[in-house]
Amino acid sequence: MTLRPLFLFSLLLGTWGSGGKAGADYLDEIGFTELQEQLGDALPDGSGIPVLQTEAAFSGQYLPQDASGESSTAFSGTGNLADKSLLALSGLTGKSNHSARVADHFYGNRTEAALGNAGLAPGISDIAVILAGDFINAADDGLGRLVQSHAWIGSSSNDNLVLRGFDYAIAQEGIFSVIGVNNSSGSSVPQLLAPSYNSLAVGRSDGSHSRNGTPDDLDGPGRQKPEIVGPLDTTSWNTGLTASAGALLLSALGESDRDPRLIKALLLAGATRLEDAFWEAGETWNQSESAPLDPVFGAGQLNILRAYQSLSGGPLVESGPSNLRGWSLLSLSESGTSTRSLEVPAGTVAGELSISLVWHSPVRALGPLFPTYLRQELPNLRLSLAADDGSPVATSDSADLNLELLWLQALPAGTYDLEIGNQSDSTVACALAVWSSLRLTAQVRVLPQGENATQIQLTDLAPGKSHTLERSPDLETWTEVATFVPSVSSQLLTDPQSTAPDPPQFYRLLRNEL
């Protein structure tokens, strides 16, 4: 089934620079360098994953290398694309520099890593490339490709029809699709393809990308986009980079587990939220129970190390304590629930606990003479975490998104019940991912004394929660120094005692609430 040709179609390329970060620093930022060092030759590289790259025509060209002299639309890659098979679905053209740079970050051979032009999945060897306009006219056909990169923006005569057909193909064919939003914080979320429910929209860690939610004339207006950000200096390069992360993860899974909802859940749970780039942009990462994504940075910055750690943790069991890193593919019956028991071991603290849940927006195909699509009611799922005594810890319950996200810092030792609830009147398939960092309990460090006071450096605090710092000369009698509610996970306090207390003092930190 294919969509009818859509008229009034136009493409708008966001502005883009000549390169990314210096050298391959961004590979360090997203955890790839550390993952590479840990796994060595066992590192998954996207092998066996067929991919699709859609491109806007740039000066009449759309291919990642010059193919104007080729005799067939199926040709072999050269240079950074050597040993790869490319298929030009929109005919043979010369090289588009934009397409080439996206390709470098998506499936390039890493021969230009030192220049900042490298992705995570050099094992990808089966690549199809198509003009965005041709793709739009058949967006309901995944073309047999498991991962797609769409580094362009545009509109059509019927954007909702395109997006519904696109979401239908993602769900029916199991496609992990990555969309770039526009560059510039003054721009609105584009009509295509970022407002899709079932794909993953990508922005920039410096916040210089589209804002203010999906357009009012589309299904689900006002939904947060992007859902994740990358460290490179254009949304296009970040689109290729995030698509390569998806291909890496897919190639690490068995075929029966290659579900795009799981890949999206792993990337969202693994995203980092304490990035210097956020602070440099004058903003911090925030969420609420009804709005689990930050209004600028979505789930946070791409981190392939954390996503892979969750994947390698294996399936989370429903009976007995589960790992604090893992995943599950679930099917929730009407108004049904599923529970996972998460245990933070005694003597430790979960410095961060990140949990994501992803499901598809269902679309029904109508036809067949005049194919069209009907978006059905969006299932409403809920994530909640409770202590073993039943007291609530955190909840994610968005009414307009097809994802939920919990993020907690400095969660103390104990057993917690994670409940995934289906608040809909139909069965819903979904993917759950959990990532955490276990550390010893909050650290208290006495710094070299100042002239009239002692400074105490506190780390692994729980932002927004009440803490009390106490001191004692004998570990038996304790005196309060300060009770405070930190806004970040580390803080420097001053104890206005003498510079040379006699006897020496001991310090301890108490957390007064979960």
Protein backbone atom coordinates (compact mmCIF):
# COMPACT_ATOMS: atom_id res chain seq x y z
CA MET A 1 0.00 0.00 0.00
CA THR A 2 1.36 3.45 -0.87
CA LEU A 3 0.22 6.96 -0.18
CA ARG A 4 -1.19 9.00 -3.05
CA PRO A 5 1.10 11.76 -4.35
CA LEU A 6 0.84 14.83 -2.17
CA PHE A 7 0.90 18.26 -3.73
CA LEU A 8 2.26 21.56 -2.40
CA PHE A 9 5.22 19.65 -1.01
CA SER A 10 8.23 21.72 0.01
CA LEU A 11 11.45 21.16 1.94
CA LEU A 12 13.29 23.53 4.23
CA LEU A 13 16.83 22.67 5.26
CA GLY A 14 17.95 24.12 8.54
CA THR A 15 21.24 25.98 8.54
CA TRP A 16 24.27 23.78 9.18
CA GLY A 17 27.92 24.26 9.87
CA SER A 18 31.01 22.62 8.44
CA GLY A 19 31.74 20.24 11.28
CA GLY A 20 31.04 18.89 14.73
CA LYS A 21 33.05 19.11 17.93
CA ALA A 22 36.81 19.12 17.83
CA GLY A 23 38.19 15.71 16.96
CA ALA A 24 36.11 12.90 18.35
CA ASP A 25 35.38 14.48 21.74
CA TYR A 26 31.67 13.85 21.26
CA LEU A 27 32.35 10.10 21.21
CA ASP A 28 33.68 10.51 24.76
CA GLU A 29 30.65 12.60 25.77
CA ILE A 30 28.13 10.00 24.68
CA GLY A 31 30.01 7.14 26.35
CA PHE A 32 31.08 5.43 23.14
CA THR A 33 34.82 5.58 23.82
CA GLU A 34 34.37 3.90 27.20
CA LEU A 35 32.04 1.28 25.72
CA GLN A 36 34.58 0.57 23.00
CA GLU A 37 37.34 0.14 25.58
CA GLN A 38 35.18 -2.21 27.66
CA LEU A 39 33.99 -4.48 24.85
CA GLY A 40 36.89 -4.39 22.40
CA ASP A 41 36.28 -6.71 19.47
CA ALA A 42 32.92 -7.76 20.96
CA LEU A 43 31.47 -4.28 20.39
CA PRO A 44 28.29 -4.48 18.24
CA ASP A 45 28.64 -2.37 15.10
CA GLY A 46 25.32 -2.47 13.25
CA SER A 47 26.24 -5.50 11.13
CA GLY A 48 23.26 -7.09 9.44
CA ILE A 49 20.98 -4.07 9.90
CA PRO A 50 19.59 -2.64 6.60
CA VAL A 51 19.12 1.13 6.78
CA LEU A 52 17.47 4.01 4.93
CA GLN A 53 18.71 7.59 4.64
CA THR A 54 16.29 10.21 3.33
CA GLU A 55 17.68 13.51 2.11
CA ALA A 56 16.50 16.81 0.71
CA ALA A 57 18.05 17.74 -2.64
CA PHE A 58 20.99 20.03 -2.00
CA SER A 59 21.99 21.88 -5.17
CA GLY A 60 20.26 19.08 -7.06
CA GLN A 61 22.23 16.33 -5.32
CA TYR A 62 21.14 13.94 -2.56
CA LEU A 63 23.62 11.06 -2.43
CA PRO A 64 26.49 10.71 0.10
CA GLN A 65 29.04 10.21 -2.69
CA ASP A 66 29.25 11.09 -6.38
CA ALA A 67 27.33 8.45 -8.33
CA SER A 68 26.72 10.48 -11.49
CA GLY A 69 29.04 8.19 -13.45
CA GLU A 70 27.59 4.91 -12.18
CA SER A 71 25.74 2.64 -14.60
CA SER A 72 23.32 1.26 -12.00
CA THR A 73 21.37 2.70 -9.08
CA ALA A 74 22.96 -0.07 -7.00
CA PHE A 75 26.63 0.79 -6.53
CA SER A 76 29.56 0.34 -4.14
CA GLY A 77 30.76 2.89 -1.61
CA THR A 78 34.22 4.41 -1.63
CA GLY A 79 36.38 6.28 0.88
CA ASN A 80 34.65 6.47 4.25
CA LEU A 81 31.86 4.33 2.74
CA ALA A 82 34.13 1.63 1.31
CA ASP A 83 32.83 -1.97 1.36
CA LYS A 84 29.22 -0.78 1.55
CA SER A 85 26.39 -1.38 -0.92
CA LEU A 86 24.31 1.69 -1.72
CA LEU A 87 20.99 1.88 -3.54
CA ALA A 88 19.90 5.21 -5.03
CA LEU A 89 16.10 4.99 -4.89
CA SER A 90 15.62 8.43 -6.47
CA GLY A 91 18.13 7.99 -9.29
CA LEU A 92 21.81 8.74 -9.72
CA THR A 93 23.20 12.19 -8.86
CA GLY A 94 26.41 13.77 -7.70
CA LYS A 95 27.47 14.14 -4.06
CA SER A 96 25.57 16.17 -1.47
CA ASN A 97 27.92 17.35 1.29
CA HIS A 98 25.00 17.33 3.72
CA SER A 99 24.14 13.75 2.83
CA ALA A 100 27.80 12.74 3.14
CA ARG A 101 28.13 14.21 6.61
CA VAL A 102 24.94 12.51 7.83
CA ALA A 103 26.23 9.25 6.35
CA ASP A 104 29.57 9.66 8.16
CA HIS A 105 27.74 9.82 11.50
CA PHE A 106 25.20 7.13 10.57
CA TYR A 107 27.17 4.31 8.92
CA GLY A 108 30.62 5.64 8.00
CA ASN A 109 33.74 3.54 8.54
CA ARG A 110 35.20 5.86 11.20
CA THR A 111 38.17 6.65 8.96
CA GLU A 112 37.50 10.34 9.71
CA ALA A 113 36.94 10.00 13.46
CA ALA A 114 39.81 12.38 14.21
CA LEU A 115 37.98 15.04 12.18
CA GLY A 116 34.78 14.59 14.17
CA ASN A 117 33.05 12.69 11.36
CA ALA A 118 32.26 9.29 12.82
CA GLY A 119 29.28 7.26 13.91
CA LEU A 120 28.83 4.17 16.03
CA ALA A 121 27.84 1.54 13.47
CA PRO A 122 30.50 1.02 10.76
CA GLY A 123 29.26 -2.55 10.29
CA ILE A 124 26.20 -1.27 8.41
CA SER A 125 26.71 -2.28 4.78
CA ASP A 126 23.22 -2.33 3.21
CA ILE A 127 22.10 1.27 2.63
CA ALA A 128 19.27 2.77 0.59
CA VAL A 129 19.08 6.53 -0.02
CA ILE A 130 15.97 8.37 -1.21
CA LEU A 131 14.87 11.94 -1.78
CA ALA A 132 12.58 13.23 0.95
CA GLY A 133 9.87 14.09 -1.57
CA ASP A 134 9.81 10.56 -2.93
CA PHE A 135 9.77 9.13 0.58
CA ILE A 136 6.85 11.35 1.61
CA ASN A 137 4.73 10.06 -1.24
CA ALA A 138 5.18 6.52 0.11
CA ALA A 139 5.82 7.12 3.83
CA ASP A 140 3.69 4.11 4.76
CA ASP A 141 6.26 1.78 3.17
CA GLY A 142 9.34 1.05 5.31
CA LEU A 143 11.17 -0.27 2.23
CA GLY A 144 12.48 -3.24 4.23
CA ARG A 145 14.81 -1.03 6.31
CA LEU A 146 15.10 -1.49 10.09
CA VAL A 147 16.67 1.92 10.84
CA GLN A 148 15.86 5.22 9.15
CA SER A 149 17.49 8.66 9.31
CA HIS A 150 15.49 11.76 8.28
CA ALA A 151 17.71 14.85 8.55
CA TRP A 152 15.42 17.41 6.89
CA ILE A 153 12.24 19.36 7.58
CA GLY A 154 9.28 20.10 5.36
CA SER A 155 5.53 20.07 4.80
CA SER A 156 2.97 18.68 2.40
CA SER A 157 -0.64 19.15 1.36
CA ASN A 158 -1.77 16.69 4.06
CA ASP A 159 0.75 16.40 6.86
CA ASN A 160 -1.51 14.34 9.13
CA LEU A 161 -1.96 11.72 6.39
CA VAL A 162 1.81 11.48 5.94
CA LEU A 163 2.46 11.20 9.68
CA ARG A 164 -0.25 8.59 10.18
CA GLY A 165 1.07 6.48 7.32
CA PHE A 166 4.61 6.91 8.66
CA ASP A 167 3.61 5.79 12.16
CA TYR A 168 1.66 2.89 10.65
CA ALA A 169 4.77 1.66 8.80
CA ILE A 170 6.95 1.99 11.92
CA ALA A 171 4.52 -0.14 13.93
CA GLN A 172 3.81 -2.71 11.21
CA GLU A 173 7.38 -3.22 10.01
CA GLY A 174 9.34 -2.70 13.24
CA ILE A 175 11.31 0.36 12.10
CA PHE A 176 13.48 2.49 14.38
CA SER A 177 13.23 5.94 12.80
CA VAL A 178 15.12 9.08 13.83
CA ILE A 179 13.99 12.59 12.89
CA GLY A 180 15.88 15.86 13.16
CA VAL A 181 14.01 18.98 14.29
CA ASN A 182 15.00 22.42 13.00
CA ASN A 183 18.11 24.31 14.08
CA SER A 184 17.57 27.52 16.14
CA SER A 185 15.75 27.97 19.43
CA GLY A 186 13.55 30.54 17.71
CA SER A 187 12.06 27.98 15.33
CA SER A 188 8.86 26.00 15.78
CA VAL A 189 8.61 22.23 15.58
CA PRO A 190 8.35 21.47 11.82
CA GLN A 191 5.31 19.87 10.23
CA LEU A 192 7.29 16.83 9.01
CA LEU A 193 8.42 14.42 10.25
CA ALA A 194 9.21 15.31 13.88
CA PRO A 195 5.57 15.28 15.10
CA SER A 196 5.40 11.53 14.47
CA TYR A 197 4.49 9.57 17.59
CA ASN A 198 6.40 6.35 16.90
CA SER A 199 9.77 7.78 15.83
CA LEU A 200 12.45 9.52 17.91
CA ALA A 201 12.96 13.27 17.35
CA VAL A 202 16.46 14.66 17.99
CA GLY A 203 17.73 18.11 18.89
CA ARG A 204 20.96 19.68 20.13
CA SER A 205 22.53 19.67 23.60
CA ASP A 206 23.08 23.43 23.38
CA GLY A 207 19.31 23.91 23.08
CA SER A 208 19.54 25.57 19.67
CA HIS A 209 16.63 23.73 18.11
CA SER A 210 12.84 23.85 17.62
CA ARG A 211 10.64 24.41 20.65
CA ASN A 212 7.03 24.89 21.80
CA GLY A 213 5.55 21.49 20.97
CA THR A 214 3.98 19.93 17.90
CA PRO A 215 1.89 22.22 15.65
CA ASP A 216 -1.75 22.90 16.46
CA ASP A 217 -3.09 21.49 13.17
CA LEU A 218 -1.63 18.01 13.71
CA ASP A 219 -2.66 14.99 15.78
CA GLY A 220 -1.72 15.51 19.41
CA PRO A 221 -0.88 19.23 19.29
CA GLY A 222 1.58 20.59 21.82
CA ARG A 223 3.49 17.34 22.41
CA GLN A 224 7.12 17.75 23.46
CA LYS A 225 9.70 17.48 20.68
CA PRO A 226 12.57 16.67 20.56
CA GLU A 227 12.65 13.61 22.82
CA ILE A 228 16.45 13.43 23.00
CA VAL A 229 19.43 15.65 22.12
CA GLY A 230 22.94 15.08 20.80
CA PRO A 231 26.24 16.91 21.34
CA LEU A 232 26.97 17.84 17.70
CA ASP A 233 26.41 21.32 16.28
CA THR A 234 23.50 20.55 13.95
CA THR A 235 20.36 18.49 14.33
CA SER A 236 21.28 16.74 11.06
CA TRP A 237 24.53 15.30 12.37
CA ASN A 238 22.79 14.30 15.61
CA THR A 239 20.11 12.52 13.55
CA GLY A 240 22.74 10.35 11.86
CA LEU A 241 24.54 9.76 15.16
CA THR A 242 21.37 8.70 16.99
CA ALA A 243 20.34 6.43 14.12
CA SER A 244 23.75 4.75 14.35
CA ALA A 245 23.20 4.23 18.09
CA GLY A 246 19.91 2.51 17.28
CA ALA A 247 21.60 0.27 14.73
CA LEU A 248 24.31 -0.69 17.24
CA LEU A 249 21.69 -1.70 19.81
CA LEU A 250 19.58 -3.61 17.28
CA SER A 251 22.61 -5.60 16.15
CA ALA A 252 23.22 -6.62 19.78
CA LEU A 253 19.72 -8.10 20.11
CA GLY A 254 18.31 -11.35 18.85
CA GLU A 255 15.88 -10.97 15.96
CA SER A 256 12.84 -11.70 18.13
CA ASP A 257 13.71 -8.79 20.42
CA ARG A 258 14.40 -6.20 17.70
CA ASP A 259 11.54 -3.93 18.63
CA PRO A 260 11.80 -0.17 17.89
CA ARG A 261 9.94 0.57 21.13
CA LEU A 262 12.73 -1.14 23.05
CA ILE A 263 15.47 0.79 21.23
CA LYS A 264 13.70 4.07 21.96
CA ALA A 265 13.17 3.08 25.61
CA LEU A 266 16.85 2.14 26.03
CA LEU A 267 18.02 5.46 24.59
CA LEU A 268 15.59 7.51 26.70
CA ALA A 269 16.46 5.71 29.93
CA GLY A 270 20.17 6.01 29.18
CA ALA A 271 20.14 9.71 28.33
CA THR A 272 22.24 11.95 30.59
CA ARG A 273 20.65 14.97 32.27
CA LEU A 274 23.48 16.69 34.13
CA GLU A 275 25.27 18.04 31.06
CA ASP A 276 27.56 21.07 31.02
CA ALA A 277 25.97 22.05 27.71
CA PHE A 278 22.62 22.52 29.43
CA TRP A 279 24.14 24.87 31.99
CA GLU A 280 26.04 26.73 29.27
CA ALA A 281 22.72 27.31 27.53
CA GLY A 282 21.43 28.83 30.76
CA GLU A 283 18.99 25.99 31.43
CA THR A 284 18.71 22.86 33.54
CA TRP A 285 16.83 19.59 33.01
CA ASN A 286 13.35 19.44 34.54
CA GLN A 287 10.30 17.20 34.51
CA SER A 288 7.00 16.72 36.34
CA GLU A 289 4.55 13.89 36.86
CA SER A 290 2.38 14.97 33.91
CA ALA A 291 5.27 16.24 31.74
CA PRO A 292 8.05 13.61 31.98
CA LEU A 293 10.23 15.23 29.29
CA ASP A 294 12.14 18.48 29.70
CA PRO A 295 10.57 21.20 27.48
CA VAL A 296 13.92 21.84 25.77
CA PHE A 297 16.13 18.75 26.10
CA GLY A 298 13.54 15.96 26.14
CA ALA A 299 14.93 12.93 27.99
CA GLY A 300 18.46 14.38 27.90
CA GLN A 301 21.64 13.78 25.90
CA LEU A 302 22.32 10.57 23.98
CA ASN A 303 24.55 8.12 25.87
CA ILE A 304 25.22 4.81 24.14
CA LEU A 305 27.21 3.40 27.10
CA ARG A 306 24.22 3.64 29.44
CA ALA A 307 21.79 2.38 26.82
CA TYR A 308 23.99 -0.65 26.17
CA GLN A 309 24.39 -1.29 29.90
CA SER A 310 20.61 -1.50 30.21
CA LEU A 311 20.42 -3.81 27.20
CA SER A 312 23.15 -6.10 28.51
CA GLY A 313 21.40 -6.27 31.89
CA GLY A 314 18.89 -8.57 30.21
CA PRO A 315 15.14 -8.96 30.75
CA LEU A 316 13.72 -7.78 34.07
CA VAL A 317 11.92 -10.59 35.86
CA GLU A 318 8.44 -10.11 37.23
CA SER A 319 9.00 -12.28 40.32
CA GLY A 320 11.76 -11.48 42.77
CA PRO A 321 14.16 -8.52 42.82
CA SER A 322 15.32 -7.35 39.40
CA ASN A 323 18.56 -5.81 38.28
CA LEU A 324 18.78 -2.04 38.33
CA ARG A 325 19.82 -2.23 34.69
CA GLY A 326 17.65 -4.14 32.26
CA TRP A 327 14.59 -4.16 30.03
CA SER A 328 11.31 -5.88 29.31
CA LEU A 329 8.92 -6.28 26.39
CA LEU A 330 5.43 -6.33 27.85
CA SER A 331 1.84 -6.85 26.79
CA LEU A 332 -0.60 -5.23 29.22
CA SER A 333 -4.21 -6.33 29.13
CA GLU A 334 -7.09 -3.88 29.39
CA SER A 335 -6.70 -1.95 32.69
CA GLY A 336 -3.96 -4.42 33.60
CA THR A 337 -0.73 -3.92 35.52
CA SER A 338 2.71 -5.49 35.67
CA THR A 339 5.19 -5.07 38.52
CA ARG A 340 8.95 -5.26 38.79
CA SER A 341 10.78 -5.30 42.14
CA LEU A 342 13.91 -3.12 42.13
CA GLU A 343 16.45 -3.43 44.93
CA VAL A 344 19.04 -0.84 45.93
CA PRO A 345 21.47 -2.90 48.06
CA ALA A 346 22.20 -1.98 51.66
CA GLY A 347 25.11 0.41 52.06
CA THR A 348 24.59 1.90 48.61
CA VAL A 349 22.56 4.62 46.98
CA ALA A 350 21.23 4.78 43.45
CA GLY A 351 23.02 7.96 42.41
CA GLU A 352 20.67 8.03 39.45
CA LEU A 353 17.72 5.80 38.61
CA SER A 354 16.21 6.27 35.16
CA ILE A 355 13.19 4.31 33.94
CA SER A 356 11.43 4.70 30.59
CA LEU A 357 8.32 3.16 29.07
CA VAL A 358 7.47 3.39 25.35
CA TRP A 359 4.51 2.22 23.27
CA HIS A 360 3.12 2.93 19.80
CA SER A 361 0.33 5.23 18.75
CA PRO A 362 -2.01 2.85 16.90
CA VAL A 363 -3.00 3.69 13.33
CA ARG A 364 -5.60 1.85 11.27
CA ALA A 365 -5.21 1.47 7.50
CA LEU A 366 -8.33 2.08 5.40
CA GLY A 367 -8.72 1.34 1.69
CA PRO A 368 -7.57 -0.35 -0.45
CA LEU A 369 -8.65 1.68 -3.51
CA PHE A 370 -7.87 5.03 -1.93
CA PRO A 371 -5.47 4.32 0.95
CA THR A 372 -5.83 6.48 3.99
CA TYR A 373 -5.17 6.15 7.69
CA LEU A 374 -7.12 6.68 10.88
CA ARG A 375 -5.24 7.40 14.09
CA GLN A 376 -6.92 5.54 16.92
CA GLU A 377 -7.18 6.62 20.53
CA LEU A 378 -3.79 6.88 22.17
CA PRO A 379 -3.33 4.27 24.93
CA ASN A 380 -2.72 5.77 28.35
CA LEU A 381 -0.03 4.02 30.38
CA ARG A 382 1.48 4.95 33.73
CA LEU A 383 4.75 4.36 35.59
CA SER A 384 4.88 4.50 39.37
CA LEU A 385 7.55 3.65 41.93
CA ALA A 386 6.73 2.89 45.56
CA ALA A 387 8.76 1.90 48.62
CA ASP A 388 8.25 -1.58 50.06
CA ASP A 389 5.86 -0.14 52.66
CA GLY A 390 3.64 1.14 49.86
CA SER A 391 4.52 4.81 50.20
CA PRO A 392 4.75 6.52 46.79
CA VAL A 393 8.16 7.66 45.56
CA ALA A 394 7.58 8.93 42.01
CA THR A 395 5.04 8.76 39.18
CA SER A 396 5.07 9.48 35.46
CA ASP A 397 1.60 9.86 33.99
CA SER A 398 1.47 11.92 30.81
CA ALA A 399 -1.88 12.27 29.06
CA ASP A 400 -0.59 13.16 25.58
CA LEU A 401 2.66 11.23 25.07
CA ASN A 402 3.28 7.59 24.17
CA LEU A 403 6.10 7.38 26.67
CA GLU A 404 6.74 7.78 30.39
CA LEU A 405 10.00 8.61 32.16
CA LEU A 406 11.07 8.49 35.81
CA TRP A 407 14.36 10.00 36.98
CA LEU A 408 15.48 9.96 40.61
CA GLN A 409 18.75 10.93 42.25
CA ALA A 410 20.28 9.53 45.42
CA LEU A 411 17.60 6.88 46.00
CA PRO A 412 18.47 5.17 49.30
CA ALA A 413 18.93 1.46 49.90
CA GLY A 414 15.74 -0.56 49.94
CA THR A 415 13.29 -2.55 47.85
CA TYR A 416 10.98 -0.68 45.51
CA ASP A 417 7.97 -1.77 43.49
CA LEU A 418 7.81 -0.47 39.93
CA GLU A 419 4.27 -0.69 38.56
CA ILE A 420 3.47 -0.38 34.87
CA GLY A 421 -0.23 0.33 34.55
CA ASN A 422 -2.51 0.27 31.52
CA GLN A 423 -5.28 2.84 31.94
CA SER A 424 -6.79 2.00 28.54
CA ASP A 425 -9.62 -0.28 27.41
CA SER A 426 -7.44 -2.32 25.08
CA THR A 427 -4.32 -4.50 25.26
CA VAL A 428 -1.10 -2.51 24.78
CA ALA A 429 2.38 -3.76 23.85
CA CYS A 430 5.18 -1.68 25.35
CA ALA A 431 8.88 -1.66 26.18
CA LEU A 432 10.46 -0.89 29.55
CA ALA A 433 14.09 0.08 30.18
CA VAL A 434 15.91 0.72 33.47
CA TRP A 435 19.35 2.24 34.06
CA SER A 436 20.98 3.17 37.36
CA SER A 437 24.31 4.04 38.91
CA LEU A 438 24.98 2.48 42.30
CA ARG A 439 27.29 4.28 44.70
CA LEU A 440 28.13 4.19 48.35
CA THR A 441 25.86 6.30 50.52
CA ALA A 442 26.14 10.10 50.26
CA GLN A 443 29.67 11.31 50.66
CA VAL A 444 30.74 13.81 53.33
CA ARG A 445 34.16 15.31 52.88
CA VAL A 446 35.84 17.77 55.29
CA LEU A 447 37.86 20.26 53.28
CA PRO A 448 40.96 22.14 54.50
CA GLN A 449 39.75 24.55 57.15
CA GLY A 450 39.28 28.20 56.47
CA GLU A 451 40.21 30.97 58.86
CA ASN A 452 37.17 30.70 61.12
CA ALA A 453 35.15 27.77 59.86
CA THR A 454 35.19 24.22 58.53
CA GLN A 455 33.87 23.53 55.02
CA ILE A 456 31.98 20.34 54.27
CA GLN A 457 31.66 19.03 50.71
CA LEU A 458 28.52 16.92 50.23
CA THR A 459 27.88 14.77 47.16
CA ASP A 460 25.20 12.31 45.97
CA LEU A 461 22.48 14.47 47.50
CA ALA A 462 18.84 14.16 46.46
CA PRO A 463 17.78 17.48 44.91
CA GLY A 464 14.55 18.85 46.32
CA LYS A 465 14.66 16.63 49.41
CA SER A 466 15.42 17.63 52.99
CA HIS A 467 18.84 16.69 54.46
CA THR A 468 20.45 17.29 57.84
CA LEU A 469 24.19 17.55 58.50
CA GLU A 470 25.29 16.68 62.05
CA ARG A 471 28.62 16.59 63.91
CA SER A 472 29.84 14.63 66.92
CA PRO A 473 33.00 14.51 69.03
CA ASP A 474 32.51 10.84 69.97
CA LEU A 475 30.09 9.22 67.45
CA GLU A 476 27.47 9.04 70.20
CA THR A 477 26.26 12.59 70.78
CA TRP A 478 25.23 14.38 67.59
CA THR A 479 24.56 18.09 67.09
CA GLU A 480 22.75 19.58 64.10
CA VAL A 481 24.90 21.78 61.87
CA ALA A 482 22.31 22.52 59.18
CA THR A 483 19.06 21.27 57.67
CA PHE A 484 18.72 22.12 54.01
CA VAL A 485 17.02 21.26 50.73
CA PRO A 486 19.62 21.15 47.91
CA SER A 487 18.73 22.13 44.36
CA VAL A 488 21.53 19.99 42.86
CA SER A 489 23.24 16.74 43.90
CA SER A 490 26.31 18.36 45.49
CA GLN A 491 26.67 21.24 47.92
CA LEU A 492 29.31 22.99 49.99
CA LEU A 493 28.31 23.84 53.58
CA THR A 494 30.15 25.82 56.23
CA ASP A 495 30.30 24.76 59.87
CA PRO A 496 31.05 27.92 61.90
CA GLN A 497 33.08 26.12 64.55
CA SER A 498 36.66 26.86 65.60
CA THR A 499 39.38 26.04 63.09
CA ALA A 500 41.00 23.51 65.44
CA PRO A 501 38.25 21.76 67.40
CA ASP A 502 39.34 19.77 70.39
CA PRO A 503 38.45 16.97 70.34
CA PRO A 504 38.22 16.44 66.53
CA GLN A 505 34.69 16.29 65.11
CA PHE A 506 32.95 13.62 63.07
CA TYR A 507 30.24 14.47 60.53
CA ARG A 508 27.26 12.54 59.19
CA LEU A 509 24.50 13.35 56.72
CA LEU A 510 20.89 12.28 57.15
CA ARG A 511 18.24 12.26 54.44
CA ASN A 512 14.91 13.21 55.98
CA GLU A 513 12.57 12.03 53.20
CA LEU A 514 12.47 9.77 50.14
